[in-house]
Amino acid sequence: MVLKIEHHSFRGVDPFSSISKLKLVYKEINATLKSFEGSIVHQNKDALLISFRTVTNAVSCALKIKTLFRDFR
């Protein structure tokens, strides 16, 4: 699974609070990855390549992360 955070996703977010909110999002993503047996294979400035034991875990994790990010906005 590839998780990419687009720059336009932060429109309307206070620039002074966006860094702390982004740290919170990454913390939640890492906790979610662990709960679905996922591990980060590669990371760059705005994307993560993630590996899972099963396809079911990958899809379930993606849905959970989508919900987390929607709540973040």
C-alpha atoms as a PDB file:
ATOM      1  CA  MET A   1       0.000   0.000   0.000  1.00  0.00           C
ATOM      2  CA  VAL A   2       1.212   3.504  -0.750  1.00  0.00           C
ATOM      3  CA  LEU A   3       0.009   6.291   1.515  1.00  0.00           C
ATOM      4  CA  LYS A   4       0.572   9.760   0.123  1.00  0.00           C
ATOM      5  CA  ILE A   5      -0.297  12.996   1.893  1.00  0.00           C
ATOM      6  CA  GLU A   6      -1.044  15.674  -0.670  1.00  0.00           C
ATOM      7  CA  HIS A   7      -0.062  19.265   0.046  1.00  0.00           C
ATOM      8  CA  HIS A   8      -3.514  20.522  -0.925  1.00  0.00           C
ATOM      9  CA  SER A   9      -4.930  18.369   1.893  1.00  0.00           C
ATOM     10  CA  PHE A  10      -3.842  21.065   4.325  1.00  0.00           C
ATOM     11  CA  ARG A  11      -5.764  23.954   2.791  1.00  0.00           C
ATOM     12  CA  GLY A  12      -7.654  25.839   5.431  1.00  0.00           C
ATOM     13  CA  VAL A  13      -5.485  24.494   8.243  1.00  0.00           C
ATOM     14  CA  ASP A  14      -3.813  27.076  10.478  1.00  0.00           C
ATOM     15  CA  PRO A  15      -0.116  26.993   9.480  1.00  0.00           C
ATOM     16  CA  PHE A  16       1.005  27.349  13.096  1.00  0.00           C
ATOM     17  CA  SER A  17      -0.950  24.309  14.232  1.00  0.00           C
ATOM     18  CA  SER A  18      -0.445  22.164  11.133  1.00  0.00           C
ATOM     19  CA  ILE A  19       2.939  20.792  12.241  1.00  0.00           C
ATOM     20  CA  SER A  20       1.597  19.554  15.569  1.00  0.00           C
ATOM     21  CA  LYS A  21      -1.488  18.147  13.826  1.00  0.00           C
ATOM     22  CA  LEU A  22       0.693  16.400  11.252  1.00  0.00           C
ATOM     23  CA  LYS A  23       2.753  14.819  14.033  1.00  0.00           C
ATOM     24  CA  LEU A  24      -0.478  13.590  15.592  1.00  0.00           C
ATOM     25  CA  VAL A  25      -1.593  12.123  12.244  1.00  0.00           C
ATOM     26  CA  TYR A  26       1.709  10.238  11.833  1.00  0.00           C
ATOM     27  CA  LYS A  27       1.449   8.961  15.410  1.00  0.00           C
ATOM     28  CA  GLU A  28      -2.063   7.672  14.700  1.00  0.00           C
ATOM     29  CA  ILE A  29      -0.946   6.155  11.382  1.00  0.00           C
ATOM     30  CA  ASN A  30       1.899   4.273  13.090  1.00  0.00           C
ATOM     31  CA  ALA A  31      -0.433   2.935  15.785  1.00  0.00           C
ATOM     32  CA  THR A  32      -2.923   1.865  13.105  1.00  0.00           C
ATOM     33  CA  LEU A  33      -0.189   0.148  11.081  1.00  0.00           C
ATOM     34  CA  LYS A  34       0.863  -1.886  14.101  1.00  0.00           C
ATOM     35  CA  SER A  35      -2.707  -2.934  14.837  1.00  0.00           C
ATOM     36  CA  PHE A  36      -3.058  -4.295  11.265  1.00  0.00           C
ATOM     37  CA  GLU A  37       0.425  -5.897  11.175  1.00  0.00           C
ATOM     38  CA  GLY A  38       1.784  -3.327   8.733  1.00  0.00           C
ATOM     39  CA  SER A  39       5.340  -2.092   8.443  1.00  0.00           C
ATOM     40  CA  ILE A  40       6.867   0.868   6.636  1.00  0.00           C
ATOM     41  CA  VAL A  41       9.139  -0.310   3.816  1.00  0.00           C
ATOM     42  CA  HIS A  42      10.126   3.112   2.475  1.00  0.00           C
ATOM     43  CA  GLN A  43       9.359   6.713   3.385  1.00  0.00           C
ATOM     44  CA  ASN A  44       9.991  10.039   1.698  1.00  0.00           C
ATOM     45  CA  LYS A  45       8.770  13.539   2.515  1.00  0.00           C
ATOM     46  CA  ASP A  46       5.107  12.965   1.613  1.00  0.00           C
ATOM     47  CA  ALA A  47       4.573   9.235   1.070  1.00  0.00           C
ATOM     48  CA  LEU A  48       4.911   5.897   2.801  1.00  0.00           C
ATOM     49  CA  LEU A  49       5.290   2.472   1.196  1.00  0.00           C
ATOM     50  CA  ILE A  50       3.718  -0.031   3.569  1.00  0.00           C
ATOM     51  CA  SER A  51       3.789  -3.833   3.602  1.00  0.00           C
ATOM     52  CA  PHE A  52       1.151  -6.076   5.216  1.00  0.00           C
ATOM     53  CA  ARG A  53       0.876  -9.785   5.955  1.00  0.00           C
ATOM     54  CA  THR A  54      -2.501 -10.029   4.197  1.00  0.00           C
ATOM     55  CA  VAL A  55      -4.533  -8.092   1.655  1.00  0.00           C
ATOM     56  CA  THR A  56      -7.385  -7.968   4.154  1.00  0.00           C
ATOM     57  CA  ASN A  57      -5.161  -6.185   6.668  1.00  0.00           C
ATOM     58  CA  ALA A  58      -4.022  -3.719   4.001  1.00  0.00           C
ATOM     59  CA  VAL A  59      -7.573  -2.823   2.974  1.00  0.00           C
ATOM     60  CA  SER A  60      -8.807  -2.597   6.565  1.00  0.00           C
ATOM     61  CA  CYS A  61      -5.871  -0.386   7.497  1.00  0.00           C
ATOM     62  CA  ALA A  62      -6.428   1.870   4.482  1.00  0.00           C
ATOM     63  CA  LEU A  63     -10.068   2.368   5.465  1.00  0.00           C
ATOM     64  CA  LYS A  64      -9.102   3.158   9.057  1.00  0.00           C
ATOM     65  CA  ILE A  65      -6.428   5.656   7.972  1.00  0.00           C
ATOM     66  CA  LYS A  66      -8.894   7.296   5.587  1.00  0.00           C
ATOM     67  CA  THR A  67     -11.305   7.750   8.509  1.00  0.00           C
ATOM     68  CA  LEU A  68      -8.528   9.149  10.716  1.00  0.00           C
ATOM     69  CA  PHE A  69      -7.459  11.650   8.070  1.00  0.00           C
ATOM     70  CA  ARG A  70     -11.061  12.720   7.417  1.00  0.00           C
ATOM     71  CA  ASP A  71     -11.429  13.403  11.160  1.00  0.00           C
ATOM     72  CA  PHE A  72      -8.154  15.377  11.109  1.00  0.00           C
ATOM     73  CA  ARG A  73      -9.463  17.835   8.548  1.00  0.00           C
END
